[in-house]
Amino acid sequence: MHFTQLETFCAVAKVNSFSKAAKLLHLSQPTISSHIQYLENHYNILLFNRSNQGVTLTEAGKIVYEYAQKILKIQDDMERHLAIMAEVENHMLTVGASSAVGNHLMPCSIWKFNETFANSKIKLIVANSQEILEHVYENNIELGLIDGPIRGSPSDIFVKEIIEDKMVIIAPAKEPWVDLDVISISELIKLPFIIRETGSGVRNNFKAVLDKLSLKFSDFQNTTEMGSMDAIKTAVELGLGLSVIPLKAVEKEVRRGVLTALELKEDKMVYYCKMIYKKQNSKSKIAKRFIHFLASPGTHSYC
């Protein structure tokens, strides 16, 4: 069965847009297009009418949408019943997540998982990306979710990219920042700058951006290191400096008008949240179900 493609198809049909569906499912627009193209090739029929205003279902698309909703509901019901039979509630799953992922993805993702598997027990540990990777290596946790790059290619660790996000430069929502959309790296390195601690995924992702620009943290004229995103956001709001942070982690503050998010002129600063676990370790039933849940499109909610 083509559950992933059907889930994508239903999302596009609901919002009448490939780009809106991509944001909803946290997938790239080319991935959305490939899923729809797969279904159209498989059934050998056009499912959407395309136009500059968006997409609408064809008559064939309306039929597929009606059945796809039924199929996906049956799948959910089946997994719910299987979970009861498997007694997944008898095992506690310990999940480790980096700060950005743990504070802005996992709470709602766990809540949505518990809606389907009501008796599941999940313990969430939040630390920086390097600490979570070490916990996985040392078998302290079954599953990790990190937002930083992984050095080398560890043969004993399974790595899957599950969510695409981007980082932004944050500034106080006041002059001169409030009316700006972008900032250049040459401007940024002259300003007070606040960065996460060593081992943080945000720090490592930003270091990769600086490497592409042939720069180092020592090129900044004034830097401060903080080990908490909340502390960084407060410091920036108070005007103590600018910083770099995942967009999802600052959306509430931007909507409330206390912080401004700026694009870096030289780079889009896109990165991926990665799911990691030991290949050779046997997985508990709840771990297998949670891994499948996280790997499926449309299951992630930020809060």
C-alpha atoms as a PDB file:
ATOM      1  CA  MET A   1       0.000   0.000   0.000  1.00  0.00           C
ATOM      2  CA  HIS A   2       1.144   3.572  -0.697  1.00  0.00           C
ATOM      3  CA  PHE A   3       0.241   5.082   2.675  1.00  0.00           C
ATOM      4  CA  THR A   4       2.868   7.838   2.576  1.00  0.00           C
ATOM      5  CA  GLN A   5       1.772   8.997  -0.862  1.00  0.00           C
ATOM      6  CA  LEU A   6      -1.902   8.840   0.127  1.00  0.00           C
ATOM      7  CA  GLU A   7      -1.237  10.937   3.244  1.00  0.00           C
ATOM      8  CA  THR A   8       0.532  13.516   1.095  1.00  0.00           C
ATOM      9  CA  PHE A   9      -2.298  13.438  -1.480  1.00  0.00           C
ATOM     10  CA  CYS A  10      -4.937  14.081   1.200  1.00  0.00           C
ATOM     11  CA  ALA A  11      -2.940  16.985   2.642  1.00  0.00           C
ATOM     12  CA  VAL A  12      -2.642  18.636  -0.787  1.00  0.00           C
ATOM     13  CA  ALA A  13      -6.361  18.095  -1.432  1.00  0.00           C
ATOM     14  CA  LYS A  14      -7.272  19.743   1.888  1.00  0.00           C
ATOM     15  CA  VAL A  15      -5.235  22.918   1.363  1.00  0.00           C
ATOM     16  CA  ASN A  16      -5.357  23.056  -2.478  1.00  0.00           C
ATOM     17  CA  SER A  17      -1.651  23.813  -2.650  1.00  0.00           C
ATOM     18  CA  PHE A  18       1.599  21.865  -2.975  1.00  0.00           C
ATOM     19  CA  SER A  19       3.566  24.546  -1.111  1.00  0.00           C
ATOM     20  CA  LYS A  20       1.081  24.769   1.789  1.00  0.00           C
ATOM     21  CA  ALA A  21       1.027  20.971   2.073  1.00  0.00           C
ATOM     22  CA  ALA A  22       4.836  20.976   2.159  1.00  0.00           C
ATOM     23  CA  LYS A  23       4.791  23.339   5.166  1.00  0.00           C
ATOM     24  CA  LEU A  24       2.024  21.351   6.844  1.00  0.00           C
ATOM     25  CA  LEU A  25       3.889  18.050   6.493  1.00  0.00           C
ATOM     26  CA  HIS A  26       7.381  19.531   7.033  1.00  0.00           C
ATOM     27  CA  LEU A  27       8.517  18.171   3.663  1.00  0.00           C
ATOM     28  CA  SER A  28      10.137  19.865   0.689  1.00  0.00           C
ATOM     29  CA  GLN A  29       7.909  20.863  -2.221  1.00  0.00           C
ATOM     30  CA  PRO A  30       9.800  18.542  -4.636  1.00  0.00           C
ATOM     31  CA  THR A  31       9.028  15.638  -2.268  1.00  0.00           C
ATOM     32  CA  ILE A  32       5.326  16.557  -2.294  1.00  0.00           C
ATOM     33  CA  SER A  33       5.366  16.734  -6.094  1.00  0.00           C
ATOM     34  CA  SER A  34       7.106  13.358  -6.384  1.00  0.00           C
ATOM     35  CA  HIS A  35       4.488  11.699  -4.136  1.00  0.00           C
ATOM     36  CA  ILE A  36       1.636  13.070  -6.249  1.00  0.00           C
ATOM     37  CA  GLN A  37       3.438  12.169  -9.476  1.00  0.00           C
ATOM     38  CA  TYR A  38       3.912   8.619  -8.157  1.00  0.00           C
ATOM     39  CA  LEU A  39       0.167   8.219  -7.579  1.00  0.00           C
ATOM     40  CA  GLU A  40      -0.734   9.738 -10.948  1.00  0.00           C
ATOM     41  CA  ASN A  41       1.703   7.408 -12.700  1.00  0.00           C
ATOM     42  CA  HIS A  42       0.519   4.413 -10.675  1.00  0.00           C
ATOM     43  CA  TYR A  43      -3.163   4.981 -11.478  1.00  0.00           C
ATOM     44  CA  ASN A  44      -2.361   6.432 -14.912  1.00  0.00           C
ATOM     45  CA  ILE A  45      -4.702   9.381 -14.437  1.00  0.00           C
ATOM     46  CA  LEU A  46      -4.481  13.074 -13.534  1.00  0.00           C
ATOM     47  CA  LEU A  47      -5.521  13.721  -9.914  1.00  0.00           C
ATOM     48  CA  PHE A  48      -5.114  17.514  -9.724  1.00  0.00           C
ATOM     49  CA  ASN A  49      -5.794  20.454 -12.009  1.00  0.00           C
ATOM     50  CA  ARG A  50      -2.802  22.798 -11.737  1.00  0.00           C
ATOM     51  CA  SER A  51      -2.993  26.601 -12.022  1.00  0.00           C
ATOM     52  CA  ASN A  52      -1.239  29.710 -10.731  1.00  0.00           C
ATOM     53  CA  GLN A  53      -3.890  29.932  -7.991  1.00  0.00           C
ATOM     54  CA  GLY A  54      -3.132  26.436  -6.682  1.00  0.00           C
ATOM     55  CA  VAL A  55      -4.522  22.970  -7.380  1.00  0.00           C
ATOM     56  CA  THR A  56      -8.001  21.455  -7.389  1.00  0.00           C
ATOM     57  CA  LEU A  57      -9.080  17.841  -7.534  1.00  0.00           C
ATOM     58  CA  THR A  58     -10.081  16.350 -10.851  1.00  0.00           C
ATOM     59  CA  GLU A  59     -13.095  14.037 -10.932  1.00  0.00           C
ATOM     60  CA  ALA A  60     -10.698  11.100 -10.610  1.00  0.00           C
ATOM     61  CA  GLY A  61      -8.949  12.924  -7.772  1.00  0.00           C
ATOM     62  CA  LYS A  62     -12.229  13.275  -5.883  1.00  0.00           C
ATOM     63  CA  ILE A  63     -12.747   9.518  -6.081  1.00  0.00           C
ATOM     64  CA  VAL A  64      -9.196   8.806  -4.891  1.00  0.00           C
ATOM     65  CA  TYR A  65      -9.613  11.334  -2.040  1.00  0.00           C
ATOM     66  CA  GLU A  66     -12.812   9.641  -0.844  1.00  0.00           C
ATOM     67  CA  TYR A  67     -11.178   6.219  -0.744  1.00  0.00           C
ATOM     68  CA  ALA A  68      -7.824   7.480   0.572  1.00  0.00           C
ATOM     69  CA  GLN A  69      -9.514   8.909   3.680  1.00  0.00           C
ATOM     70  CA  LYS A  70     -11.175   5.554   4.323  1.00  0.00           C
ATOM     71  CA  ILE A  71      -7.930   3.641   3.764  1.00  0.00           C
ATOM     72  CA  LEU A  72      -5.927   5.862   6.118  1.00  0.00           C
ATOM     73  CA  LYS A  73      -8.621   5.631   8.808  1.00  0.00           C
ATOM     74  CA  ILE A  74      -8.613   1.846   8.532  1.00  0.00           C
ATOM     75  CA  GLN A  75      -4.819   1.882   8.852  1.00  0.00           C
ATOM     76  CA  ASP A  76      -5.044   4.012  12.016  1.00  0.00           C
ATOM     77  CA  ASP A  77      -7.692   1.709  13.490  1.00  0.00           C
ATOM     78  CA  MET A  78      -5.603  -1.357  12.670  1.00  0.00           C
ATOM     79  CA  GLU A  79      -2.483   0.077  14.323  1.00  0.00           C
ATOM     80  CA  ARG A  80      -4.492   1.069  17.390  1.00  0.00           C
ATOM     81  CA  HIS A  81      -5.849  -2.456  17.781  1.00  0.00           C
ATOM     82  CA  LEU A  82      -2.445  -4.026  17.162  1.00  0.00           C
ATOM     83  CA  ALA A  83      -0.936  -1.775  19.807  1.00  0.00           C
ATOM     84  CA  ILE A  84      -3.427  -3.069  22.348  1.00  0.00           C
ATOM     85  CA  MET A  85      -2.633  -6.678  21.409  1.00  0.00           C
ATOM     86  CA  ALA A  86       1.100  -6.006  21.587  1.00  0.00           C
ATOM     87  CA  GLU A  87       0.695  -4.475  25.073  1.00  0.00           C
ATOM     88  CA  VAL A  88       2.985  -1.592  24.241  1.00  0.00           C
ATOM     89  CA  GLU A  89       1.889   0.027  27.484  1.00  0.00           C
ATOM     90  CA  ASN A  90       4.027  -2.416  29.456  1.00  0.00           C
ATOM     91  CA  HIS A  91       7.269  -0.791  28.306  1.00  0.00           C
ATOM     92  CA  MET A  92       8.627   2.668  29.012  1.00  0.00           C
ATOM     93  CA  LEU A  93      10.301   4.222  25.964  1.00  0.00           C
ATOM     94  CA  THR A  94      13.061   6.714  26.781  1.00  0.00           C
ATOM     95  CA  VAL A  95      13.572   9.258  24.003  1.00  0.00           C
ATOM     96  CA  GLY A  96      16.370  11.799  23.966  1.00  0.00           C
ATOM     97  CA  ALA A  97      16.058  15.047  22.017  1.00  0.00           C
ATOM     98  CA  SER A  98      18.212  18.098  21.452  1.00  0.00           C
ATOM     99  CA  SER A  99      16.935  21.372  22.898  1.00  0.00           C
ATOM    100  CA  ALA A 100      15.228  22.694  19.764  1.00  0.00           C
ATOM    101  CA  VAL A 101      13.609  19.353  18.978  1.00  0.00           C
ATOM    102  CA  GLY A 102      12.764  18.465  22.576  1.00  0.00           C
ATOM    103  CA  ASN A 103      11.156  21.789  23.407  1.00  0.00           C
ATOM    104  CA  HIS A 104       9.384  22.539  20.112  1.00  0.00           C
ATOM    105  CA  LEU A 105       8.665  19.223  18.365  1.00  0.00           C
ATOM    106  CA  MET A 106       8.482  16.350  20.802  1.00  0.00           C
ATOM    107  CA  PRO A 107       5.805  17.538  23.270  1.00  0.00           C
ATOM    108  CA  CYS A 108       3.108  17.716  20.592  1.00  0.00           C
ATOM    109  CA  SER A 109       4.460  14.695  18.712  1.00  0.00           C
ATOM    110  CA  ILE A 110       4.274  12.599  21.887  1.00  0.00           C
ATOM    111  CA  TRP A 111       0.773  13.921  22.567  1.00  0.00           C
ATOM    112  CA  LYS A 112      -0.355  12.936  19.049  1.00  0.00           C
ATOM    113  CA  PHE A 113       1.253   9.497  19.445  1.00  0.00           C
ATOM    114  CA  ASN A 114      -0.573   9.002  22.738  1.00  0.00           C
ATOM    115  CA  GLU A 115      -3.860   9.842  21.024  1.00  0.00           C
ATOM    116  CA  THR A 116      -3.374   6.731  18.864  1.00  0.00           C
ATOM    117  CA  PHE A 117      -1.659   4.551  21.488  1.00  0.00           C
ATOM    118  CA  ALA A 118      -3.408   5.706  24.631  1.00  0.00           C
ATOM    119  CA  ASN A 119      -1.535   3.436  27.064  1.00  0.00           C
ATOM    120  CA  SER A 120       1.979   4.159  25.828  1.00  0.00           C
ATOM    121  CA  LYS A 121       4.621   5.469  28.240  1.00  0.00           C
ATOM    122  CA  ILE A 122       7.318   7.797  26.926  1.00  0.00           C
ATOM    123  CA  LYS A 123      10.021   9.531  28.942  1.00  0.00           C
ATOM    124  CA  LEU A 124      11.645  12.530  27.250  1.00  0.00           C
ATOM    125  CA  ILE A 125      15.215  13.624  28.028  1.00  0.00           C
ATOM    126  CA  VAL A 126      16.338  17.011  26.656  1.00  0.00           C
ATOM    127  CA  ALA A 127      20.034  17.818  26.206  1.00  0.00           C
ATOM    128  CA  ASN A 128      22.283  19.126  23.443  1.00  0.00           C
ATOM    129  CA  SER A 129      22.860  17.095  20.279  1.00  0.00           C
ATOM    130  CA  GLN A 130      26.286  15.753  21.299  1.00  0.00           C
ATOM    131  CA  GLU A 131      24.969  14.543  24.670  1.00  0.00           C
ATOM    132  CA  ILE A 132      22.008  12.791  23.005  1.00  0.00           C
ATOM    133  CA  LEU A 133      24.354  11.067  20.547  1.00  0.00           C
ATOM    134  CA  GLU A 134      26.486   9.877  23.475  1.00  0.00           C
ATOM    135  CA  HIS A 135      23.378   8.585  25.300  1.00  0.00           C
ATOM    136  CA  VAL A 136      22.497   6.505  22.205  1.00  0.00           C
ATOM    137  CA  TYR A 137      26.064   5.130  21.971  1.00  0.00           C
ATOM    138  CA  GLU A 138      26.014   4.214  25.669  1.00  0.00           C
ATOM    139  CA  ASN A 139      22.560   2.552  25.389  1.00  0.00           C
ATOM    140  CA  ASN A 140      21.018   4.952  27.909  1.00  0.00           C
ATOM    141  CA  ILE A 141      18.178   5.702  25.496  1.00  0.00           C
ATOM    142  CA  GLU A 142      16.571   3.690  22.685  1.00  0.00           C
ATOM    143  CA  LEU A 143      15.930   6.597  20.365  1.00  0.00           C
ATOM    144  CA  GLY A 144      17.456  10.022  19.830  1.00  0.00           C
ATOM    145  CA  LEU A 145      16.428  13.092  17.848  1.00  0.00           C
ATOM    146  CA  ILE A 146      19.089  15.668  17.127  1.00  0.00           C
ATOM    147  CA  ASP A 147      19.394  18.788  14.992  1.00  0.00           C
ATOM    148  CA  GLY A 148      23.158  18.903  14.617  1.00  0.00           C
ATOM    149  CA  PRO A 149      25.462  17.305  12.042  1.00  0.00           C
ATOM    150  CA  ILE A 150      26.987  13.905  12.825  1.00  0.00           C
ATOM    151  CA  ARG A 151      30.723  13.763  12.225  1.00  0.00           C
ATOM    152  CA  GLY A 152      31.838  10.854  10.065  1.00  0.00           C
ATOM    153  CA  SER A 153      29.542   7.980   9.153  1.00  0.00           C
ATOM    154  CA  PRO A 154      29.156   5.744  12.225  1.00  0.00           C
ATOM    155  CA  SER A 155      28.403   2.252  10.920  1.00  0.00           C
ATOM    156  CA  ASP A 156      26.562   1.153  14.074  1.00  0.00           C
ATOM    157  CA  ILE A 157      24.134   4.101  14.178  1.00  0.00           C
ATOM    158  CA  PHE A 158      21.008   4.363  12.013  1.00  0.00           C
ATOM    159  CA  VAL A 159      20.405   7.970  10.913  1.00  0.00           C
ATOM    160  CA  LYS A 160      17.243   9.188   9.172  1.00  0.00           C
ATOM    161  CA  GLU A 161      16.415  12.801   8.320  1.00  0.00           C
ATOM    162  CA  ILE A 162      12.768  13.372   9.264  1.00  0.00           C
ATOM    163  CA  ILE A 163      12.112  17.126   9.379  1.00  0.00           C
ATOM    164  CA  GLU A 164      13.526  20.031   7.430  1.00  0.00           C
ATOM    165  CA  ASP A 165      13.829  23.375   9.208  1.00  0.00           C
ATOM    166  CA  LYS A 166      15.924  26.491   8.858  1.00  0.00           C
ATOM    167  CA  MET A 167      17.795  28.771  11.198  1.00  0.00           C
ATOM    168  CA  VAL A 168      17.332  32.524  11.371  1.00  0.00           C
ATOM    169  CA  ILE A 169      19.172  35.413  12.964  1.00  0.00           C
ATOM    170  CA  ILE A 170      17.093  36.904  15.779  1.00  0.00           C
ATOM    171  CA  ALA A 171      17.148  40.524  16.898  1.00  0.00           C
ATOM    172  CA  PRO A 172      15.005  42.712  19.200  1.00  0.00           C
ATOM    173  CA  ALA A 173      11.746  43.846  17.602  1.00  0.00           C
ATOM    174  CA  LYS A 174      12.791  47.486  17.545  1.00  0.00           C
ATOM    175  CA  GLU A 175      14.783  49.859  15.369  1.00  0.00           C
ATOM    176  CA  PRO A 176      16.824  49.255  13.322  1.00  0.00           C
ATOM    177  CA  TRP A 177      15.842  45.564  13.126  1.00  0.00           C
ATOM    178  CA  VAL A 178      12.066  45.654  13.042  1.00  0.00           C
ATOM    179  CA  ASP A 179      11.868  46.807   9.408  1.00  0.00           C
ATOM    180  CA  LEU A 180      14.630  44.508   8.111  1.00  0.00           C
ATOM    181  CA  ASP A 181      14.271  41.073   6.508  1.00  0.00           C
ATOM    182  CA  VAL A 182      17.927  40.167   5.913  1.00  0.00           C
ATOM    183  CA  ILE A 183      21.341  40.796   7.398  1.00  0.00           C
ATOM    184  CA  SER A 184      24.752  40.178   5.828  1.00  0.00           C
ATOM    185  CA  ILE A 185      27.486  38.216   7.533  1.00  0.00           C
ATOM    186  CA  SER A 186      29.798  41.243   7.277  1.00  0.00           C
ATOM    187  CA  GLU A 187      27.296  43.238   9.370  1.00  0.00           C
ATOM    188  CA  LEU A 188      26.678  40.383  11.791  1.00  0.00           C
ATOM    189  CA  ILE A 189      30.305  39.758  12.799  1.00  0.00           C
ATOM    190  CA  LYS A 190      30.629  43.402  13.930  1.00  0.00           C
ATOM    191  CA  LEU A 191      27.721  43.125  16.406  1.00  0.00           C
ATOM    192  CA  PRO A 192      27.444  41.506  19.852  1.00  0.00           C
ATOM    193  CA  PHE A 193      26.550  37.869  19.142  1.00  0.00           C
ATOM    194  CA  ILE A 194      25.202  35.132  21.431  1.00  0.00           C
ATOM    195  CA  ILE A 195      25.868  31.481  20.570  1.00  0.00           C
ATOM    196  CA  ARG A 196      24.926  28.130  22.089  1.00  0.00           C
ATOM    197  CA  GLU A 197      27.443  25.976  23.963  1.00  0.00           C
ATOM    198  CA  THR A 198      29.847  23.459  22.402  1.00  0.00           C
ATOM    199  CA  GLY A 199      27.967  20.275  21.470  1.00  0.00           C
ATOM    200  CA  SER A 200      24.782  22.119  20.540  1.00  0.00           C
ATOM    201  CA  GLY A 201      23.241  21.251  17.179  1.00  0.00           C
ATOM    202  CA  VAL A 202      22.443  24.911  16.509  1.00  0.00           C
ATOM    203  CA  ARG A 203      26.074  25.860  17.131  1.00  0.00           C
ATOM    204  CA  ASN A 204      27.380  23.076  14.871  1.00  0.00           C
ATOM    205  CA  ASN A 205      24.907  23.902  12.108  1.00  0.00           C
ATOM    206  CA  PHE A 206      25.902  27.568  12.222  1.00  0.00           C
ATOM    207  CA  LYS A 207      29.585  26.588  12.259  1.00  0.00           C
ATOM    208  CA  ALA A 208      28.942  24.686   9.006  1.00  0.00           C
ATOM    209  CA  VAL A 209      27.502  27.897   7.531  1.00  0.00           C
ATOM    210  CA  LEU A 210      30.542  29.869   8.673  1.00  0.00           C
ATOM    211  CA  ASP A 211      32.848  27.212   7.192  1.00  0.00           C
ATOM    212  CA  LYS A 212      31.197  27.727   3.786  1.00  0.00           C
ATOM    213  CA  LEU A 213      31.840  31.468   4.158  1.00  0.00           C
ATOM    214  CA  SER A 214      35.471  30.885   5.257  1.00  0.00           C
ATOM    215  CA  LEU A 215      34.777  32.356   8.693  1.00  0.00           C
ATOM    216  CA  LYS A 216      35.180  31.238  12.330  1.00  0.00           C
ATOM    217  CA  PHE A 217      33.524  32.237  15.609  1.00  0.00           C
ATOM    218  CA  SER A 218      36.756  34.069  16.469  1.00  0.00           C
ATOM    219  CA  ASP A 219      36.038  36.438  13.567  1.00  0.00           C
ATOM    220  CA  PHE A 220      33.101  37.888  15.546  1.00  0.00           C
ATOM    221  CA  GLN A 221      34.153  40.986  17.464  1.00  0.00           C
ATOM    222  CA  ASN A 222      32.033  40.228  20.556  1.00  0.00           C
ATOM    223  CA  THR A 223      30.556  36.812  21.440  1.00  0.00           C
ATOM    224  CA  THR A 224      28.782  35.397  24.484  1.00  0.00           C
ATOM    225  CA  GLU A 225      28.032  31.705  25.044  1.00  0.00           C
ATOM    226  CA  MET A 226      24.769  30.516  26.638  1.00  0.00           C
ATOM    227  CA  GLY A 227      23.523  26.982  27.236  1.00  0.00           C
ATOM    228  CA  SER A 228      19.793  27.619  26.911  1.00  0.00           C
ATOM    229  CA  MET A 229      17.662  28.812  23.995  1.00  0.00           C
ATOM    230  CA  ASP A 230      15.260  30.486  26.425  1.00  0.00           C
ATOM    231  CA  ALA A 231      18.159  32.420  27.967  1.00  0.00           C
ATOM    232  CA  ILE A 232      19.345  33.442  24.498  1.00  0.00           C
ATOM    233  CA  LYS A 233      15.877  34.638  23.464  1.00  0.00           C
ATOM    234  CA  THR A 234      15.567  36.686  26.659  1.00  0.00           C
ATOM    235  CA  ALA A 235      19.017  38.215  26.166  1.00  0.00           C
ATOM    236  CA  VAL A 236      18.236  39.155  22.562  1.00  0.00           C
ATOM    237  CA  GLU A 237      14.871  40.636  23.570  1.00  0.00           C
ATOM    238  CA  LEU A 238      16.700  42.807  26.113  1.00  0.00           C
ATOM    239  CA  GLY A 239      19.012  44.079  23.383  1.00  0.00           C
ATOM    240  CA  LEU A 240      22.177  42.344  24.623  1.00  0.00           C
ATOM    241  CA  GLY A 241      23.056  40.950  21.204  1.00  0.00           C
ATOM    242  CA  LEU A 242      21.864  39.004  18.174  1.00  0.00           C
ATOM    243  CA  SER A 243      21.823  35.229  17.859  1.00  0.00           C
ATOM    244  CA  VAL A 244      21.034  32.305  15.575  1.00  0.00           C
ATOM    245  CA  ILE A 245      18.185  29.924  16.345  1.00  0.00           C
ATOM    246  CA  PRO A 246      15.858  27.424  14.597  1.00  0.00           C
ATOM    247  CA  LEU A 247      12.865  29.224  13.105  1.00  0.00           C
ATOM    248  CA  LYS A 248      10.361  26.907  14.792  1.00  0.00           C
ATOM    249  CA  ALA A 249      11.870  27.726  18.178  1.00  0.00           C
ATOM    250  CA  VAL A 250      11.148  31.439  17.857  1.00  0.00           C
ATOM    251  CA  GLU A 251       7.854  31.611  15.938  1.00  0.00           C
ATOM    252  CA  LYS A 252       5.805  32.462  19.046  1.00  0.00           C
ATOM    253  CA  GLU A 253       8.067  35.368  19.980  1.00  0.00           C
ATOM    254  CA  VAL A 254       8.015  36.685  16.413  1.00  0.00           C
ATOM    255  CA  ARG A 255       4.191  36.494  16.312  1.00  0.00           C
ATOM    256  CA  ARG A 256       3.990  38.298  19.662  1.00  0.00           C
ATOM    257  CA  GLY A 257       6.250  41.041  18.310  1.00  0.00           C
ATOM    258  CA  VAL A 258       9.049  40.749  20.872  1.00  0.00           C
ATOM    259  CA  LEU A 259      11.677  39.368  18.470  1.00  0.00           C
ATOM    260  CA  THR A 260      12.453  39.823  14.780  1.00  0.00           C
ATOM    261  CA  ALA A 261      13.658  36.955  12.551  1.00  0.00           C
ATOM    262  CA  LEU A 262      16.164  37.864   9.836  1.00  0.00           C
ATOM    263  CA  GLU A 263      17.442  35.785   6.930  1.00  0.00           C
ATOM    264  CA  LEU A 264      21.201  35.559   6.504  1.00  0.00           C
ATOM    265  CA  LYS A 265      21.923  37.165   3.134  1.00  0.00           C
ATOM    266  CA  GLU A 266      24.607  34.675   2.108  1.00  0.00           C
ATOM    267  CA  ASP A 267      22.931  31.383   3.107  1.00  0.00           C
ATOM    268  CA  LYS A 268      19.431  29.937   3.668  1.00  0.00           C
ATOM    269  CA  MET A 269      20.731  27.986   6.707  1.00  0.00           C
ATOM    270  CA  VAL A 270      18.554  24.899   6.103  1.00  0.00           C
ATOM    271  CA  TYR A 271      19.169  21.842   8.294  1.00  0.00           C
ATOM    272  CA  TYR A 272      17.445  18.555   9.149  1.00  0.00           C
ATOM    273  CA  CYS A 273      16.254  16.988  12.367  1.00  0.00           C
ATOM    274  CA  LYS A 274      17.644  13.438  12.457  1.00  0.00           C
ATOM    275  CA  MET A 275      16.306  10.317  14.140  1.00  0.00           C
ATOM    276  CA  ILE A 276      19.106   8.068  15.447  1.00  0.00           C
ATOM    277  CA  TYR A 277      19.325   4.676  17.140  1.00  0.00           C
ATOM    278  CA  LYS A 278      21.699   1.743  17.498  1.00  0.00           C
ATOM    279  CA  LYS A 279      21.373  -0.664  14.558  1.00  0.00           C
ATOM    280  CA  GLN A 280      22.255  -3.849  16.422  1.00  0.00           C
ATOM    281  CA  ASN A 281      19.996  -3.259  19.430  1.00  0.00           C
ATOM    282  CA  SER A 282      16.641  -5.039  19.438  1.00  0.00           C
ATOM    283  CA  LYS A 283      13.778  -2.540  19.545  1.00  0.00           C
ATOM    284  CA  SER A 284      10.847  -2.693  21.936  1.00  0.00           C
ATOM    285  CA  LYS A 285       7.389  -2.769  20.356  1.00  0.00           C
ATOM    286  CA  ILE A 286       6.639   0.784  21.436  1.00  0.00           C
ATOM    287  CA  ALA A 287      10.006   1.953  20.022  1.00  0.00           C
ATOM    288  CA  LYS A 288       9.198   0.375  16.644  1.00  0.00           C
ATOM    289  CA  ARG A 289       5.797   2.054  16.569  1.00  0.00           C
ATOM    290  CA  PHE A 290       7.178   5.434  17.615  1.00  0.00           C
ATOM    291  CA  ILE A 291       9.942   5.218  14.989  1.00  0.00           C
ATOM    292  CA  HIS A 292       7.330   4.441  12.320  1.00  0.00           C
ATOM    293  CA  PHE A 293       5.182   7.304  13.616  1.00  0.00           C
ATOM    294  CA  LEU A 294       8.012   9.840  13.426  1.00  0.00           C
ATOM    295  CA  ALA A 295       9.124   8.644   9.988  1.00  0.00           C
ATOM    296  CA  SER A 296       5.633   9.116   8.502  1.00  0.00           C
ATOM    297  CA  PRO A 297       4.777  12.517   6.951  1.00  0.00           C
ATOM    298  CA  GLY A 298       2.282  14.738   8.710  1.00  0.00           C
ATOM    299  CA  THR A 299       2.873  13.347  12.206  1.00  0.00           C
ATOM    300  CA  HIS A 300       4.961  16.223  13.556  1.00  0.00           C
ATOM    301  CA  SER A 301       3.426  19.133  15.405  1.00  0.00           C
ATOM    302  CA  TYR A 302       5.362  21.991  16.968  1.00  0.00           C
ATOM    303  CA  CYS A 303       4.130  23.627  20.136  1.00  0.00           C
END
